[in-house]
């Protein structure tokens, strides 16, 4: 199945047309989204950089289990959905945007960086909440493709744990408990992404399709 292309419904920016379209990489934490984005060599909007600061008083909390009382960073209420969509629109229509830089170990935004697409026709948006931007991007004519990257849940658990421990994202016991919870929830995460318009694929399958899309000539009239 090819990438979704909704170029017939263009979102009009200052230049009168869409400059670039977004390839959304959704899926469970640790499934290989960032790895795939790096392999593609395209500009990347890290949607996890739109997390809210831990100091905000109304963050969602885990209500039961060993991590009860801690911030629920897997709840969509823990990130700035509207700010992420605004950045996506700006990148697609203007070709550049100022985006946040978020520290997961410190649970806070630590600055901003310019993201410039240059001459690229496509860019990647990836993160654990990436599926949530797919319907709005499709409706606005900004979407080139939407994928839910997946692999066996035990492999996802192990790779996520190794990464999180290496980067000292949270205390080790919290990471293990969170990882086990996410492993149990993986099928639900994938089903949610599919319901929002993503297609479940392995990283290699998505890589082949996106590389073919990048190599295709630009449609006439663009």
Protein backbone atom coordinates (compact mmCIF):
# COMPACT_ATOMS: atom_id res chain seq x y z
CA UNK A 1 0.00 0.00 0.00
CA UNK A 2 1.54 3.35 -0.99
CA UNK A 3 1.96 6.38 1.23
CA UNK A 4 -1.12 8.51 1.75
CA UNK A 5 -0.95 11.59 -0.48
CA UNK A 6 -3.55 14.30 -0.09
CA UNK A 7 -1.94 16.92 -2.29
CA UNK A 8 -5.26 17.77 -3.94
CA UNK A 9 -6.32 19.56 -0.74
CA UNK A 10 -3.58 22.14 -0.23
CA UNK A 11 -3.11 24.27 2.85
CA UNK A 12 -2.27 27.74 1.52
CA UNK A 13 0.61 29.56 3.20
CA UNK A 14 2.21 32.92 2.46
CA UNK A 15 3.76 31.49 -0.68
CA UNK A 16 0.37 30.30 -1.97
CA UNK A 17 1.15 26.59 -1.77
CA UNK A 18 2.58 23.79 0.36
CA UNK A 19 6.39 23.87 0.25
CA UNK A 20 6.88 20.45 1.83
CA UNK A 21 4.81 17.61 3.24
CA UNK A 22 5.26 15.63 6.40
CA UNK A 23 5.96 11.92 6.87
CA UNK A 24 4.60 10.93 10.27
CA UNK A 25 6.34 8.12 12.17
CA UNK A 26 4.20 6.95 15.06
CA UNK A 27 4.42 3.83 17.20
CA UNK A 28 5.42 2.55 20.62
CA UNK A 29 8.32 4.13 22.49
CA UNK A 30 11.46 2.19 21.54
CA UNK A 31 10.06 0.74 18.30
CA UNK A 32 12.70 2.43 16.12
CA UNK A 33 11.10 5.70 14.99
CA UNK A 34 14.18 7.84 15.68
CA UNK A 35 16.45 5.23 14.12
CA UNK A 36 14.34 5.21 10.95
CA UNK A 37 14.25 9.02 10.82
CA UNK A 38 18.04 9.10 10.99
CA UNK A 39 18.38 6.53 8.19
CA UNK A 40 16.18 8.60 5.90
CA UNK A 41 18.42 11.67 6.10
CA UNK A 42 15.48 14.10 6.06
CA UNK A 43 14.91 17.04 8.41
CA UNK A 44 13.23 15.80 11.58
CA UNK A 45 10.67 17.47 13.84
CA UNK A 46 10.93 15.66 17.19
CA UNK A 47 7.39 15.75 18.53
CA UNK A 48 8.59 14.59 21.95
CA UNK A 49 10.18 18.05 22.26
CA UNK A 50 6.64 19.36 22.71
CA UNK A 51 6.26 17.68 26.10
CA UNK A 52 5.01 19.94 28.89
CA UNK A 53 7.32 20.95 31.73
CA UNK A 54 7.06 18.84 34.89
CA UNK A 55 6.50 22.04 36.86
CA UNK A 56 3.07 22.57 35.30
CA UNK A 57 0.49 21.84 38.02
CA UNK A 58 -2.22 20.15 35.93
CA UNK A 59 -0.18 17.37 34.33
CA UNK A 60 -1.92 13.96 34.23
CA UNK A 61 -0.80 11.56 36.96
CA UNK A 62 -0.61 7.78 37.21
CA UNK A 63 -3.41 6.75 39.54
CA UNK A 64 -2.58 3.13 40.35
CA UNK A 65 0.23 0.61 40.47
CA UNK A 66 3.84 0.97 41.59
CA UNK A 67 4.26 4.37 39.86
CA UNK A 68 1.07 5.91 41.27
CA UNK A 69 1.46 9.65 41.80
CA UNK A 70 4.14 10.15 39.15
CA UNK A 71 3.48 12.18 36.01
CA UNK A 72 1.96 10.01 33.28
CA UNK A 73 4.24 10.89 30.38
CA UNK A 74 2.37 8.43 28.15
CA UNK A 75 -0.88 10.38 28.49
CA UNK A 76 -1.63 12.76 25.57
CA UNK A 77 -2.36 15.48 28.12
CA UNK A 78 1.37 15.60 28.90
CA UNK A 79 2.32 17.31 25.62
CA UNK A 80 1.42 20.46 23.69
CA UNK A 81 -0.64 19.09 20.80
CA UNK A 82 -1.66 22.49 19.39
CA UNK A 83 1.90 23.85 19.48
CA UNK A 84 3.13 20.77 17.62
CA UNK A 85 0.46 21.24 14.94
CA UNK A 86 1.36 24.92 14.58
CA UNK A 87 5.01 24.00 14.00
CA UNK A 88 4.00 21.40 11.42
CA UNK A 89 1.88 23.93 9.52
CA UNK A 90 4.69 26.47 9.58
CA UNK A 91 7.25 23.99 8.29
CA UNK A 92 4.97 22.80 5.50
CA UNK A 93 3.99 26.26 4.31
CA UNK A 94 6.99 28.43 5.15
CA UNK A 95 9.83 25.91 5.13
CA UNK A 96 11.21 26.74 8.58
CA UNK A 97 10.16 27.06 12.21
CA UNK A 98 11.56 27.73 15.65
CA UNK A 99 11.03 24.56 17.71
CA UNK A 100 11.64 23.64 21.36
CA UNK A 101 14.47 21.51 22.70
CA UNK A 102 13.20 19.34 25.55
CA UNK A 103 15.28 17.55 28.17
CA UNK A 104 13.62 14.28 29.17
CA UNK A 105 15.91 13.74 32.20
CA UNK A 106 15.03 17.24 33.46
CA UNK A 107 11.42 17.14 32.19
CA UNK A 108 11.64 20.70 30.89
CA UNK A 109 12.21 22.77 27.76
CA UNK A 110 15.85 23.92 27.79
CA UNK A 111 15.84 26.18 24.73
CA UNK A 112 14.79 26.46 21.11
CA UNK A 113 16.40 25.71 17.76
CA UNK A 114 15.73 26.74 14.16
CA UNK A 115 14.56 23.93 11.89
CA UNK A 116 15.00 24.78 8.21
CA UNK A 117 13.89 22.37 5.49
CA UNK A 118 16.04 23.93 2.78
CA UNK A 119 15.10 22.39 -0.57
CA UNK A 120 13.60 19.21 0.90
CA UNK A 121 10.11 18.33 -0.35
CA UNK A 122 9.52 16.07 2.66
CA UNK A 123 10.38 16.03 6.34
CA UNK A 124 9.76 13.63 9.21
CA UNK A 125 7.71 14.17 12.35
CA UNK A 126 8.20 11.41 14.91
CA UNK A 127 7.27 10.77 18.52
CA UNK A 128 5.05 8.68 20.76
CA UNK A 129 2.08 11.02 20.19
CA UNK A 130 2.73 11.38 16.46
CA UNK A 131 -0.45 9.55 15.45
CA UNK A 132 -2.51 12.30 17.07
CA UNK A 133 -1.44 14.86 14.43
CA UNK A 134 -2.32 12.66 11.44
CA UNK A 135 -6.04 13.57 11.01
CA UNK A 136 -5.41 17.33 11.11
CA UNK A 137 -2.41 17.10 8.77
CA UNK A 138 -4.39 14.98 6.31
CA UNK A 139 -7.34 17.37 6.35
CA UNK A 140 -5.05 20.36 5.76
CA UNK A 141 -3.26 18.72 2.82
CA UNK A 142 0.09 18.50 4.63
CA UNK A 143 0.47 14.72 4.89
CA UNK A 144 2.71 12.67 2.60
CA UNK A 145 2.46 9.44 4.60
CA UNK A 146 1.67 8.07 8.06
CA UNK A 147 3.29 4.97 9.51
CA UNK A 148 3.12 3.11 12.79
CA UNK A 149 6.57 1.57 13.27
CA UNK A 150 6.38 -1.69 15.17
CA UNK A 151 8.40 -4.77 16.11
CA UNK A 152 7.99 -7.62 18.61
CA UNK A 153 6.99 -6.17 21.96
CA UNK A 154 9.79 -7.94 23.87
CA UNK A 155 12.39 -6.46 21.52
CA UNK A 156 10.75 -3.05 21.88
CA UNK A 157 10.87 -3.36 25.67
CA UNK A 158 14.56 -4.27 25.66
CA UNK A 159 15.66 -1.57 23.21
CA UNK A 160 13.64 1.07 25.03
CA UNK A 161 15.12 0.07 28.39
CA UNK A 162 18.70 0.09 27.10
CA UNK A 163 18.18 3.52 25.52
CA UNK A 164 16.48 5.03 28.57
CA UNK A 165 19.12 3.71 30.96
CA UNK A 166 21.93 4.95 28.71
CA UNK A 167 20.39 8.42 28.53
CA UNK A 168 19.45 8.38 32.24
CA UNK A 169 15.97 9.50 31.37
CA UNK A 170 14.45 8.50 34.71
CA UNK A 171 15.46 6.39 37.75
CA UNK A 172 16.11 2.74 36.72
CA UNK A 173 13.22 1.25 38.72
CA UNK A 174 10.78 3.74 37.17
CA UNK A 175 12.07 2.85 33.70
CA UNK A 176 11.65 -0.90 34.28
CA UNK A 177 8.12 -0.50 35.64
CA UNK A 178 7.14 1.89 32.85
CA UNK A 179 8.66 -0.45 30.27
CA UNK A 180 6.64 -3.42 31.49
CA UNK A 181 3.47 -1.33 31.41
CA UNK A 182 4.22 -0.16 27.86
CA UNK A 183 4.95 -3.71 26.74
CA UNK A 184 1.51 -4.79 27.90
CA UNK A 185 -0.07 -1.77 26.16
CA UNK A 186 1.74 -2.13 22.81
CA UNK A 187 -1.16 -3.68 20.90
CA UNK A 188 -3.46 -0.91 22.09
CA UNK A 189 -0.92 1.76 21.03
CA UNK A 190 -0.65 0.26 17.54
CA UNK A 191 -4.44 -0.06 17.22
CA UNK A 192 -4.85 3.60 18.23
CA UNK A 193 -2.36 4.72 15.57
CA UNK A 194 -4.07 2.64 12.89
CA UNK A 195 -7.45 4.10 13.84
CA UNK A 196 -6.03 7.60 13.29
CA UNK A 197 -4.73 6.79 9.82
CA UNK A 198 -1.30 5.20 10.27
CA UNK A 199 -0.30 1.95 8.60
CA UNK A 200 1.56 -0.62 10.73
CA UNK A 201 4.96 -1.46 9.22
CA UNK A 202 8.44 -2.52 10.21
CA UNK A 203 11.18 0.06 10.05
CA UNK A 204 12.63 -1.56 6.92
CA UNK A 205 9.26 -1.54 5.13
CA UNK A 206 8.74 2.14 5.88
CA UNK A 207 12.30 2.94 4.82
CA UNK A 208 11.84 1.31 1.39
CA UNK A 209 8.55 3.09 0.72
CA UNK A 210 9.73 6.49 1.84
CA UNK A 211 12.96 6.26 -0.15
CA UNK A 212 10.88 5.43 -3.23
CA UNK A 213 8.66 8.45 -2.55
CA UNK A 214 11.71 10.69 -2.16
CA UNK A 215 13.13 9.45 -5.47
CA UNK A 216 9.89 10.01 -7.41
CA UNK A 217 9.76 13.16 -9.60
CA UNK A 218 7.83 16.14 -8.27
CA UNK A 219 4.26 16.22 -9.65
CA UNK A 220 3.57 18.76 -12.40
CA UNK A 221 2.12 22.03 -11.21
CA UNK A 222 3.87 22.01 -7.85
